[in-house]
């Protein structure tokens, strides 16, 4: 059975002018796209198969990411159903010149594992075998107000 930490992924995107809106900060649509992609990577790693995005739940934009800085996107699977996985995805503003990050965007996404015919397939149970995994699990549950959506 896959462990939560096996699904933990961090990815970075350097914010370029073509990612920006008229305020020279990252366009929200780009942030959503990157969050969906990185979330899917966690779900694929967990399921061992392709996945489809079933739902992106309430997304909270807390601050901008200016051109020239990085978007640091982290995701991990924290709950599973028969064919679906809930993934916590958060985006941080990151200036590579310093070790500091600032949360800018967060959401929970649901992915469904699929087979070669694009039909839902079952997923394994999630295990949590480390203190860091337990911390991430509790943080995801605490931030998830609608914890009853797994199918």
Protein backbone atom coordinates (compact mmCIF):
# COMPACT_ATOMS: atom_id res chain seq x y z
CA UNK A 1 0.00 0.00 0.00
CA UNK A 2 1.38 3.43 -0.92
CA UNK A 3 2.35 5.78 1.88
CA UNK A 4 1.26 9.41 2.01
CA UNK A 5 4.88 10.54 1.75
CA UNK A 6 5.26 8.56 -1.50
CA UNK A 7 2.72 10.96 -3.02
CA UNK A 8 4.31 14.18 -1.75
CA UNK A 9 5.46 16.27 -4.70
CA UNK A 10 6.92 19.76 -4.91
CA UNK A 11 7.29 21.55 -8.21
CA UNK A 12 8.42 25.06 -9.08
CA UNK A 13 7.51 27.42 -11.86
CA UNK A 14 9.54 30.57 -12.49
CA UNK A 15 7.07 33.36 -13.14
CA UNK A 16 7.74 34.95 -16.51
CA UNK A 17 5.97 37.92 -18.16
CA UNK A 18 3.84 35.54 -20.27
CA UNK A 19 2.37 34.10 -17.03
CA UNK A 20 1.32 37.53 -15.76
CA UNK A 21 -1.83 39.59 -15.75
CA UNK A 22 -1.96 43.37 -16.22
CA UNK A 23 -0.69 43.82 -12.63
CA UNK A 24 2.57 41.94 -13.37
CA UNK A 25 1.55 39.11 -11.06
CA UNK A 26 0.75 35.54 -11.96
CA UNK A 27 -2.58 35.09 -13.70
CA UNK A 28 -4.89 33.00 -11.50
CA UNK A 29 -5.71 30.66 -14.39
CA UNK A 30 -2.06 29.68 -14.65
CA UNK A 31 -1.90 28.96 -10.92
CA UNK A 32 -5.00 26.74 -11.17
CA UNK A 33 -3.52 24.85 -14.13
CA UNK A 34 -0.23 24.24 -12.29
CA UNK A 35 -2.07 23.11 -9.17
CA UNK A 36 -4.15 20.64 -11.18
CA UNK A 37 -1.04 19.27 -12.91
CA UNK A 38 0.96 18.79 -9.71
CA UNK A 39 -2.07 17.37 -7.90
CA UNK A 40 -2.51 14.87 -10.72
CA UNK A 41 1.15 13.85 -10.37
CA UNK A 42 0.51 12.92 -6.72
CA UNK A 43 -2.65 11.02 -7.65
CA UNK A 44 -0.94 9.14 -10.50
CA UNK A 45 1.94 8.19 -8.23
CA UNK A 46 -0.53 6.88 -5.65
CA UNK A 47 -2.88 5.05 -8.04
CA UNK A 48 -0.21 3.67 -10.35
CA UNK A 49 -2.44 4.62 -13.28
CA UNK A 50 -3.75 7.60 -15.16
CA UNK A 51 -6.29 9.80 -13.42
CA UNK A 52 -8.94 12.32 -14.32
CA UNK A 53 -9.73 15.47 -12.38
CA UNK A 54 -13.20 15.06 -10.90
CA UNK A 55 -13.39 18.21 -8.82
CA UNK A 56 -11.43 21.23 -7.71
CA UNK A 57 -13.02 22.44 -4.53
CA UNK A 58 -13.01 25.94 -3.13
CA UNK A 59 -9.78 27.63 -4.08
CA UNK A 60 -8.53 30.43 -1.89
CA UNK A 61 -6.24 33.04 -3.40
CA UNK A 62 -4.43 34.71 -0.52
CA UNK A 63 -1.77 36.76 -2.30
CA UNK A 64 0.01 37.42 -5.59
CA UNK A 65 3.18 35.98 -7.05
CA UNK A 66 5.09 38.70 -8.91
CA UNK A 67 6.98 38.23 -12.16
CA UNK A 68 10.53 37.14 -11.35
CA UNK A 69 9.63 35.01 -8.35
CA UNK A 70 8.72 31.33 -8.22
CA UNK A 71 5.50 29.50 -7.65
CA UNK A 72 6.26 26.55 -5.36
CA UNK A 73 3.44 24.01 -5.64
CA UNK A 74 3.15 21.13 -3.17
CA UNK A 75 0.64 18.29 -3.24
CA UNK A 76 -0.08 14.96 -1.62
CA UNK A 77 -2.85 12.38 -1.40
CA UNK A 78 -4.45 12.39 2.04
CA UNK A 79 -7.66 10.38 1.63
CA UNK A 80 -8.94 7.69 -0.69
CA UNK A 81 -12.21 6.12 -1.68
CA UNK A 82 -12.92 3.16 -3.92
CA UNK A 83 -11.73 4.84 -7.13
CA UNK A 84 -10.95 8.38 -6.02
CA UNK A 85 -8.27 10.28 -4.17
CA UNK A 86 -8.40 13.60 -2.35
CA UNK A 87 -5.28 15.68 -2.84
CA UNK A 88 -4.27 18.78 -0.92
CA UNK A 89 -2.53 21.31 -3.15
CA UNK A 90 -0.94 24.53 -1.98
CA UNK A 91 1.00 27.19 -3.85
CA UNK A 92 3.60 29.42 -2.26
CA UNK A 93 5.36 32.55 -3.40
CA UNK A 94 9.11 31.90 -3.32
CA UNK A 95 12.04 34.25 -3.80
CA UNK A 96 15.04 32.02 -4.51
CA UNK A 97 17.38 34.57 -2.91
CA UNK A 98 15.91 33.76 0.50
CA UNK A 99 14.69 30.54 2.15
CA UNK A 100 11.29 32.08 2.93
CA UNK A 101 7.97 31.16 1.34
CA UNK A 102 4.49 32.65 1.64
CA UNK A 103 1.23 30.73 1.05
CA UNK A 104 -0.67 32.28 -1.87
CA UNK A 105 -3.22 29.68 -2.98
CA UNK A 106 -4.74 26.47 -1.64
CA UNK A 107 -7.34 23.92 -2.65
CA UNK A 108 -8.39 20.30 -2.38
CA UNK A 109 -8.83 18.31 -5.56
CA UNK A 110 -10.46 14.97 -6.25
CA UNK A 111 -9.04 12.66 -8.92
CA UNK A 112 -10.45 9.37 -10.20
CA UNK A 113 -8.13 6.55 -11.24
CA UNK A 114 -8.90 5.19 -14.71
CA UNK A 115 -7.95 2.17 -16.78
CA UNK A 116 -7.01 2.01 -20.48
CA UNK A 117 -10.68 2.35 -21.47
CA UNK A 118 -11.07 5.47 -19.32
CA UNK A 119 -13.24 3.55 -16.87
CA UNK A 120 -12.81 4.06 -13.12
CA UNK A 121 -10.53 1.57 -11.43
CA UNK A 122 -9.97 0.85 -7.76
CA UNK A 123 -7.16 2.44 -5.79
CA UNK A 124 -5.20 0.97 -2.86
CA UNK A 125 -5.56 2.06 0.74
CA UNK A 126 -3.43 4.94 1.92
CA UNK A 127 -0.93 4.34 4.70
CA UNK A 128 0.86 6.88 6.86
CA UNK A 129 4.12 5.57 8.32
CA UNK A 130 5.98 8.68 9.45
CA UNK A 131 5.60 11.62 11.78
CA UNK A 132 5.82 14.03 8.83
CA UNK A 133 3.10 12.07 7.03
CA UNK A 134 0.86 12.29 10.10
CA UNK A 135 1.45 16.05 10.28
CA UNK A 136 0.51 16.48 6.62
CA UNK A 137 -2.57 14.28 7.04
CA UNK A 138 -3.82 16.27 10.01
CA UNK A 139 -3.13 19.58 8.24
CA UNK A 140 -5.11 18.44 5.19
CA UNK A 141 -8.04 17.27 7.27
CA UNK A 142 -8.05 20.47 9.31
CA UNK A 143 -8.15 22.60 6.16
CA UNK A 144 -10.83 20.49 4.49
CA UNK A 145 -14.31 21.60 5.54
CA UNK A 146 -16.04 19.10 3.23
CA UNK A 147 -14.36 15.86 4.21
CA UNK A 148 -17.23 13.65 2.98
CA UNK A 149 -16.73 13.84 -0.82
CA UNK A 150 -14.63 10.73 -1.47
CA UNK A 151 -16.45 8.16 -3.58
